[in-house]
PDB file of all heavy atoms in Angstrom:
ATOM      1  N   PRO A   1       0.815  -1.231   0.000  1.00  0.00           N
ATOM      2  CA  PRO A   1       0.000   0.000   0.000  1.00  0.00           C
ATOM      3  C   PRO A   1       0.841   1.270   0.000  1.00  0.00           C
ATOM      4  O   PRO A   1       0.500   2.250  -0.684  1.00  0.00           O
ATOM      5  CB  PRO A   1      -0.822  -0.132   1.290  1.00  0.00           C
ATOM      6  CG  PRO A   1      -0.926  -1.604   1.515  1.00  0.00           C
ATOM      7  CD  PRO A   1       0.396  -2.154   1.081  1.00  0.00           C
ATOM      8  N   SER A   2       1.939   1.278   0.755  1.00  0.00           N
ATOM      9  CA  SER A   2       2.781   2.482   0.794  1.00  0.00           C
ATOM     10  C   SER A   2       3.569   2.641  -0.501  1.00  0.00           C
ATOM     11  O   SER A   2       3.895   3.759  -0.903  1.00  0.00           O
ATOM     12  CB  SER A   2       3.745   2.412   1.988  1.00  0.00           C
ATOM     13  OG  SER A   2       4.620   1.300   1.872  1.00  0.00           O
ATOM     14  N   MET A   3       3.876   1.548  -1.179  1.00  0.00           N
ATOM     15  CA  MET A   3       4.592   1.631  -2.454  1.00  0.00           C
ATOM     16  C   MET A   3       3.677   2.121  -3.579  1.00  0.00           C
ATOM     17  O   MET A   3       4.129   2.810  -4.495  1.00  0.00           O
ATOM     18  CB  MET A   3       5.187   0.270  -2.822  1.00  0.00           C
ATOM     19  CG  MET A   3       6.301  -0.202  -1.905  1.00  0.00           C
ATOM     20  SD  MET A   3       7.081  -1.708  -2.509  1.00  0.00           S
ATOM     21  CE  MET A   3       7.835  -1.153  -4.029  1.00  0.00           C
ATOM     22  N   LEU A   4       2.407   1.765  -3.508  1.00  0.00           N
ATOM     23  CA  LEU A   4       1.473   2.163  -4.556  1.00  0.00           C
ATOM     24  C   LEU A   4       1.267   3.671  -4.595  1.00  0.00           C
ATOM     25  O   LEU A   4       1.088   4.258  -5.661  1.00  0.00           O
ATOM     26  CB  LEU A   4       0.116   1.466  -4.352  1.00  0.00           C
ATOM     27  CG  LEU A   4       0.070  -0.035  -4.629  1.00  0.00           C
ATOM     28  CD1 LEU A   4      -1.309  -0.590  -4.306  1.00  0.00           C
ATOM     29  CD2 LEU A   4       0.422  -0.337  -6.076  1.00  0.00           C
ATOM     30  N   LYS A   5       1.261   4.294  -3.411  1.00  0.00           N
ATOM     31  CA  LYS A   5       1.025   5.747  -3.317  1.00  0.00           C
ATOM     32  C   LYS A   5      -0.275   6.100  -4.035  1.00  0.00           C
ATOM     33  O   LYS A   5      -1.339   5.718  -3.608  1.00  0.00           O
ATOM     34  CB  LYS A   5       2.226   6.513  -3.865  1.00  0.00           C
ATOM     35  CG  LYS A   5       3.498   6.304  -3.055  1.00  0.00           C
ATOM     36  CD  LYS A   5       4.674   7.100  -3.626  1.00  0.00           C
ATOM     37  CE  LYS A   5       5.931   6.869  -2.795  1.00  0.00           C
ATOM     38  NZ  LYS A   5       7.099   7.590  -3.352  1.00  0.00           N
ATOM     39  N   GLU A   6      -0.198   6.828  -5.158  1.00  0.00           N
ATOM     40  CA  GLU A   6      -1.416   7.278  -5.827  1.00  0.00           C
ATOM     41  C   GLU A   6      -1.962   6.261  -6.825  1.00  0.00           C
ATOM     42  O   GLU A   6      -3.058   6.439  -7.348  1.00  0.00           O
ATOM     43  CB  GLU A   6      -1.155   8.606  -6.544  1.00  0.00           C
ATOM     44  CG  GLU A   6      -0.873   9.765  -5.601  1.00  0.00           C
ATOM     45  CD  GLU A   6      -0.598  11.055  -6.350  1.00  0.00           C
ATOM     46  OE1 GLU A   6       0.460  11.146  -7.008  1.00  0.00           O
ATOM     47  OE2 GLU A   6      -1.438  11.962  -6.284  1.00  0.00           O
ATOM     48  N   TRP A   7      -1.195   5.207  -7.110  1.00  0.00           N
ATOM     49  CA  TRP A   7      -1.696   4.191  -8.033  1.00  0.00           C
ATOM     50  C   TRP A   7      -2.799   3.378  -7.366  1.00  0.00           C
ATOM     51  O   TRP A   7      -2.695   3.034  -6.184  1.00  0.00           O
ATOM     52  CB  TRP A   7      -0.574   3.268  -8.490  1.00  0.00           C
ATOM     53  CG  TRP A   7       0.073   3.736  -9.755  1.00  0.00           C
ATOM     54  CD1 TRP A   7      -0.303   3.436 -11.031  1.00  0.00           C
ATOM     55  CD2 TRP A   7       1.203   4.612  -9.877  1.00  0.00           C
ATOM     56  NE1 TRP A   7       0.518   4.065 -11.941  1.00  0.00           N
ATOM     57  CE2 TRP A   7       1.456   4.802 -11.256  1.00  0.00           C
ATOM     58  CE3 TRP A   7       2.030   5.246  -8.950  1.00  0.00           C
ATOM     59  CZ2 TRP A   7       2.486   5.576 -11.730  1.00  0.00           C
ATOM     60  CZ3 TRP A   7       3.057   6.041  -9.427  1.00  0.00           C
ATOM     61  CH2 TRP A   7       3.272   6.199 -10.796  1.00  0.00           C
ATOM     62  N   PRO A   8      -3.842   3.019  -8.095  1.00  0.00           N
ATOM     63  CA  PRO A   8      -4.975   2.313  -7.488  1.00  0.00           C
ATOM     64  C   PRO A   8      -4.693   0.854  -7.161  1.00  0.00           C
ATOM     65  O   PRO A   8      -5.336   0.272  -6.280  1.00  0.00           O
ATOM     66  CB  PRO A   8      -6.075   2.423  -8.550  1.00  0.00           C
ATOM     67  CG  PRO A   8      -5.324   2.541  -9.843  1.00  0.00           C
ATOM     68  CD  PRO A   8      -4.099   3.344  -9.520  1.00  0.00           C
ATOM     69  N   ASN A   9      -3.739   0.234  -7.874  1.00  0.00           N
ATOM     70  CA  ASN A   9      -3.491  -1.194  -7.682  1.00  0.00           C
ATOM     71  C   ASN A   9      -2.150  -1.577  -8.295  1.00  0.00           C
ATOM     72  O   ASN A   9      -1.504  -0.772  -8.990  1.00  0.00           O
ATOM     73  CB  ASN A   9      -4.617  -2.028  -8.304  1.00  0.00           C
ATOM     74  CG  ASN A   9      -4.947  -1.574  -9.715  1.00  0.00           C
ATOM     75  OD1 ASN A   9      -4.106  -1.609 -10.608  1.00  0.00           O
ATOM     76  ND2 ASN A   9      -6.177  -1.106  -9.920  1.00  0.00           N
ATOM     77  N   THR A  10      -1.737  -2.817  -8.042  1.00  0.00           N
ATOM     78  CA  THR A  10      -0.442  -3.292  -8.550  1.00  0.00           C
ATOM     79  C   THR A  10      -0.439  -3.416 -10.066  1.00  0.00           C
ATOM     80  O   THR A  10       0.607  -3.277 -10.707  1.00  0.00           O
ATOM     81  CB  THR A  10      -0.080  -4.647  -7.927  1.00  0.00           C
ATOM     82  OG1 THR A  10      -1.131  -5.595  -8.199  1.00  0.00           O
ATOM     83  CG2 THR A  10       0.084  -4.529  -6.411  1.00  0.00           C
ATOM     84  N   TYR A  11      -1.596  -3.673 -10.644  1.00  0.00           N
ATOM     85  CA  TYR A  11      -1.679  -3.799 -12.104  1.00  0.00           C
ATOM     86  C   TYR A  11      -1.310  -2.484 -12.784  1.00  0.00           C
ATOM     87  O   TYR A  11      -0.441  -2.442 -13.674  1.00  0.00           O
ATOM     88  CB  TYR A  11      -3.095  -4.225 -12.503  1.00  0.00           C
ATOM     89  CG  TYR A  11      -3.357  -4.177 -13.988  1.00  0.00           C
ATOM     90  CD1 TYR A  11      -2.736  -5.077 -14.855  1.00  0.00           C
ATOM     91  CD2 TYR A  11      -4.235  -3.241 -14.531  1.00  0.00           C
ATOM     92  CE1 TYR A  11      -2.973  -5.045 -16.220  1.00  0.00           C
ATOM     93  CE2 TYR A  11      -4.482  -3.198 -15.898  1.00  0.00           C
ATOM     94  CZ  TYR A  11      -3.853  -4.099 -16.733  1.00  0.00           C
ATOM     95  OH  TYR A  11      -4.089  -4.063 -18.091  1.00  0.00           O
ATOM     96  N   ALA A  12      -1.950  -1.387 -12.379  1.00  0.00           N
ATOM     97  CA  ALA A  12      -1.701  -0.094 -13.013  1.00  0.00           C
ATOM     98  C   ALA A  12      -0.262   0.354 -12.799  1.00  0.00           C
ATOM     99  O   ALA A  12       0.385   0.867 -13.728  1.00  0.00           O
ATOM    100  CB  ALA A  12      -2.678   0.957 -12.470  1.00  0.00           C
ATOM    101  N   MET A  13       0.257   0.165 -11.582  1.00  0.00           N
ATOM    102  CA  MET A  13       1.620   0.623 -11.305  1.00  0.00           C
ATOM    103  C   MET A  13       2.655  -0.154 -12.111  1.00  0.00           C
ATOM    104  O   MET A  13       3.567   0.434 -12.704  1.00  0.00           O
ATOM    105  CB  MET A  13       1.938   0.507  -9.816  1.00  0.00           C
ATOM    106  CG  MET A  13       3.299   1.120  -9.454  1.00  0.00           C
ATOM    107  SD  MET A  13       3.751   0.981  -7.721  1.00  0.00           S
ATOM    108  CE  MET A  13       4.293  -0.734  -7.654  1.00  0.00           C
ATOM    109  N   THR A  14       2.520  -1.483 -12.154  1.00  0.00           N
ATOM    110  CA  THR A  14       3.508  -2.279 -12.893  1.00  0.00           C
ATOM    111  C   THR A  14       3.409  -2.035 -14.394  1.00  0.00           C
ATOM    112  O   THR A  14       4.415  -2.102 -15.113  1.00  0.00           O
ATOM    113  CB  THR A  14       3.363  -3.783 -12.589  1.00  0.00           C
ATOM    114  OG1 THR A  14       2.001  -4.190 -12.809  1.00  0.00           O
ATOM    115  CG2 THR A  14       3.754  -4.083 -11.150  1.00  0.00           C
ATOM    116  N   LYS A  15       2.240  -1.707 -14.878  1.00  0.00           N
ATOM    117  CA  LYS A  15       2.091  -1.372 -16.290  1.00  0.00           C
ATOM    118  C   LYS A  15       2.786  -0.046 -16.603  1.00  0.00           C
ATOM    119  O   LYS A  15       3.371   0.126 -17.691  1.00  0.00           O
ATOM    120  CB  LYS A  15       0.609  -1.309 -16.670  1.00  0.00           C
ATOM    121  CG  LYS A  15      -0.025  -2.659 -16.957  1.00  0.00           C
ATOM    122  CD  LYS A  15       0.591  -3.300 -18.187  1.00  0.00           C
ATOM    123  CE  LYS A  15      -0.177  -4.499 -18.668  1.00  0.00           C
ATOM    124  NZ  LYS A  15       0.417  -5.088 -19.898  1.00  0.00           N
ATOM    125  N   ALA A  16       2.726   0.903 -15.660  1.00  0.00           N
ATOM    126  CA  ALA A  16       3.416   2.179 -15.850  1.00  0.00           C
ATOM    127  C   ALA A  16       4.926   1.975 -15.897  1.00  0.00           C
ATOM    128  O   ALA A  16       5.623   2.543 -16.745  1.00  0.00           O
ATOM    129  CB  ALA A  16       3.046   3.139 -14.714  1.00  0.00           C
ATOM    130  N   ILE A  17       5.424   1.147 -14.990  1.00  0.00           N
ATOM    131  CA  ILE A  17       6.861   0.868 -14.956  1.00  0.00           C
ATOM    132  C   ILE A  17       7.295   0.102 -16.211  1.00  0.00           C
ATOM    133  O   ILE A  17       8.373   0.338 -16.764  1.00  0.00           O
ATOM    134  CB  ILE A  17       7.225   0.082 -13.681  1.00  0.00           C
ATOM    135  CG1 ILE A  17       6.894   0.927 -12.444  1.00  0.00           C
ATOM    136  CG2 ILE A  17       8.699  -0.319 -13.670  1.00  0.00           C
ATOM    137  CD1 ILE A  17       6.967   0.165 -11.132  1.00  0.00           C
ATOM    138  N   ALA A  18       6.425  -0.802 -16.671  1.00  0.00           N
ATOM    139  CA  ALA A  18       6.735  -1.574 -17.882  1.00  0.00           C
ATOM    140  C   ALA A  18       6.920  -0.649 -19.084  1.00  0.00           C
ATOM    141  O   ALA A  18       7.816  -0.862 -19.908  1.00  0.00           O
ATOM    142  CB  ALA A  18       5.615  -2.580 -18.149  1.00  0.00           C
ATOM    143  N   GLU A  19       6.093   0.377 -19.189  1.00  0.00           N
ATOM    144  CA  GLU A  19       6.246   1.317 -20.310  1.00  0.00           C
ATOM    145  C   GLU A  19       7.614   1.995 -20.249  1.00  0.00           C
ATOM    146  O   GLU A  19       8.232   2.256 -21.284  1.00  0.00           O
ATOM    147  CB  GLU A  19       5.129   2.356 -20.275  1.00  0.00           C
ATOM    148  CG  GLU A  19       3.770   1.804 -20.672  1.00  0.00           C
ATOM    149  CD  GLU A  19       2.719   2.891 -20.785  1.00  0.00           C
ATOM    150  OE1 GLU A  19       3.085   4.085 -20.722  1.00  0.00           O
ATOM    151  OE2 GLU A  19       1.530   2.563 -20.938  1.00  0.00           O
ATOM    152  N   GLY A  20       8.088   2.270 -19.028  1.00  0.00           N
ATOM    153  CA  GLY A  20       9.411   2.879 -18.876  1.00  0.00           C
ATOM    154  C   GLY A  20      10.522   1.972 -19.352  1.00  0.00           C
ATOM    155  O   GLY A  20      11.590   2.448 -19.788  1.00  0.00           O
ATOM    156  N   GLU A  21      10.293   0.661 -19.292  1.00  0.00           N
ATOM    157  CA  GLU A  21      11.309  -0.293 -19.735  1.00  0.00           C
ATOM    158  C   GLU A  21      11.522  -0.244 -21.244  1.00  0.00           C
ATOM    159  O   GLU A  21      12.582  -0.618 -21.745  1.00  0.00           O
ATOM    160  CB  GLU A  21      10.923  -1.717 -19.309  1.00  0.00           C
ATOM    161  CG  GLU A  21      10.873  -1.922 -17.803  1.00  0.00           C
ATOM    162  CD  GLU A  21      12.181  -1.526 -17.131  1.00  0.00           C
ATOM    163  OE1 GLU A  21      13.181  -2.230 -17.330  1.00  0.00           O
ATOM    164  OE2 GLU A  21      12.184  -0.502 -16.421  1.00  0.00           O
ATOM    165  N   ILE A  22      10.508   0.191 -21.964  1.00  0.00           N
ATOM    166  CA  ILE A  22      10.629   0.283 -23.422  1.00  0.00           C
ATOM    167  C   ILE A  22      11.695   1.303 -23.808  1.00  0.00           C
ATOM    168  O   ILE A  22      12.470   1.109 -24.751  1.00  0.00           O
ATOM    169  CB  ILE A  22       9.269   0.640 -24.049  1.00  0.00           C
ATOM    170  CG1 ILE A  22       8.298  -0.539 -23.853  1.00  0.00           C
ATOM    171  CG2 ILE A  22       9.410   0.975 -25.534  1.00  0.00           C
ATOM    172  CD1 ILE A  22       6.887  -0.262 -24.316  1.00  0.00           C
ATOM    173  N   ALA A  23      11.750   2.400 -23.036  1.00  0.00           N
ATOM    174  CA  ALA A  23      12.765   3.427 -23.310  1.00  0.00           C
ATOM    175  C   ALA A  23      14.176   2.919 -23.029  1.00  0.00           C
ATOM    176  O   ALA A  23      15.144   3.356 -23.663  1.00  0.00           O
ATOM    177  CB  ALA A  23      12.481   4.665 -22.464  1.00  0.00           C
ATOM    178  N   VAL A  24      14.288   1.959 -22.083  1.00  0.00           N
ATOM    179  CA  VAL A  24      15.602   1.435 -21.694  1.00  0.00           C
ATOM    180  C   VAL A  24      16.034   0.277 -22.585  1.00  0.00           C
ATOM    181  O   VAL A  24      17.144   0.256 -23.116  1.00  0.00           O
ATOM    182  CB  VAL A  24      15.587   0.980 -20.215  1.00  0.00           C
ATOM    183  CG1 VAL A  24      16.936   0.382 -19.820  1.00  0.00           C
ATOM    184  CG2 VAL A  24      15.231   2.152 -19.308  1.00  0.00           C
ATOM    185  N   HIS A  25      15.142  -0.706 -22.733  1.00  0.00           N
ATOM    186  CA  HIS A  25      15.502  -1.941 -23.441  1.00  0.00           C
ATOM    187  C   HIS A  25      14.956  -2.012 -24.868  1.00  0.00           C
ATOM    188  O   HIS A  25      15.238  -2.981 -25.574  1.00  0.00           O
ATOM    189  CB  HIS A  25      14.997  -3.155 -22.653  1.00  0.00           C
ATOM    190  CG  HIS A  25      15.576  -3.275 -21.278  1.00  0.00           C
ATOM    191  ND1 HIS A  25      16.871  -3.686 -21.039  1.00  0.00           N
ATOM    192  CD2 HIS A  25      15.034  -3.023 -20.057  1.00  0.00           C
ATOM    193  CE1 HIS A  25      17.095  -3.695 -19.738  1.00  0.00           C
ATOM    194  NE2 HIS A  25      16.009  -3.296 -19.111  1.00  0.00           N
ATOM    195  N   GLY A  26      14.165  -1.008 -25.270  1.00  0.00           N
ATOM    196  CA  GLY A  26      13.539  -1.077 -26.590  1.00  0.00           C
ATOM    197  C   GLY A  26      14.180  -0.187 -27.633  1.00  0.00           C
ATOM    198  O   GLY A  26      13.622  -0.007 -28.723  1.00  0.00           O
ATOM    199  N   LYS A  27      15.351   0.356 -27.331  1.00  0.00           N
ATOM    200  CA  LYS A  27      16.036   1.226 -28.302  1.00  0.00           C
ATOM    201  C   LYS A  27      16.475   0.418 -29.527  1.00  0.00           C
ATOM    202  O   LYS A  27      16.987  -0.688 -29.397  1.00  0.00           O
ATOM    203  CB  LYS A  27      17.241   1.890 -27.650  1.00  0.00           C
ATOM    204  CG  LYS A  27      16.877   2.885 -26.550  1.00  0.00           C
ATOM    205  CD  LYS A  27      18.124   3.481 -25.919  1.00  0.00           C
ATOM    206  CE  LYS A  27      17.755   4.476 -24.815  1.00  0.00           C
ATOM    207  NZ  LYS A  27      18.953   5.041 -24.145  1.00  0.00           N
ATOM    208  N   GLY A  28      16.236   0.987 -30.673  1.00  0.00           N
ATOM    209  CA  GLY A  28      16.715   0.354 -31.900  1.00  0.00           C
ATOM    210  C   GLY A  28      15.782  -0.686 -32.481  1.00  0.00           C
ATOM    211  O   GLY A  28      16.159  -1.407 -33.406  1.00  0.00           O
ATOM    212  N   ILE A  29      14.550  -0.785 -31.965  1.00  0.00           N
ATOM    213  CA  ILE A  29      13.592  -1.739 -32.533  1.00  0.00           C
ATOM    214  C   ILE A  29      12.290  -1.007 -32.860  1.00  0.00           C
ATOM    215  O   ILE A  29      11.948  -0.003 -32.226  1.00  0.00           O
ATOM    216  CB  ILE A  29      13.307  -2.929 -31.587  1.00  0.00           C
ATOM    217  CG1 ILE A  29      12.706  -2.450 -30.264  1.00  0.00           C
ATOM    218  CG2 ILE A  29      14.545  -3.753 -31.347  1.00  0.00           C
ATOM    219  CD1 ILE A  29      12.255  -3.593 -29.365  1.00  0.00           C
ATOM    220  N   PRO A  30      11.540  -1.498 -33.852  1.00  0.00           N
ATOM    221  CA  PRO A  30      10.269  -0.867 -34.240  1.00  0.00           C
ATOM    222  C   PRO A  30       9.157  -1.245 -33.263  1.00  0.00           C
ATOM    223  O   PRO A  30       8.463  -2.252 -33.443  1.00  0.00           O
ATOM    224  CB  PRO A  30      10.007  -1.439 -35.631  1.00  0.00           C
ATOM    225  CG  PRO A  30      10.688  -2.785 -35.605  1.00  0.00           C
ATOM    226  CD  PRO A  30      11.899  -2.630 -34.730  1.00  0.00           C
TER     227      PRO A  30
END
């Protein structure tokens, strides 16, 4: 609960973090 902060649930938060991974590991691919 304290890690979620303003996120409503673990699904939404992990999906937000997953999008950030595209910028890190998705360079150079379509």
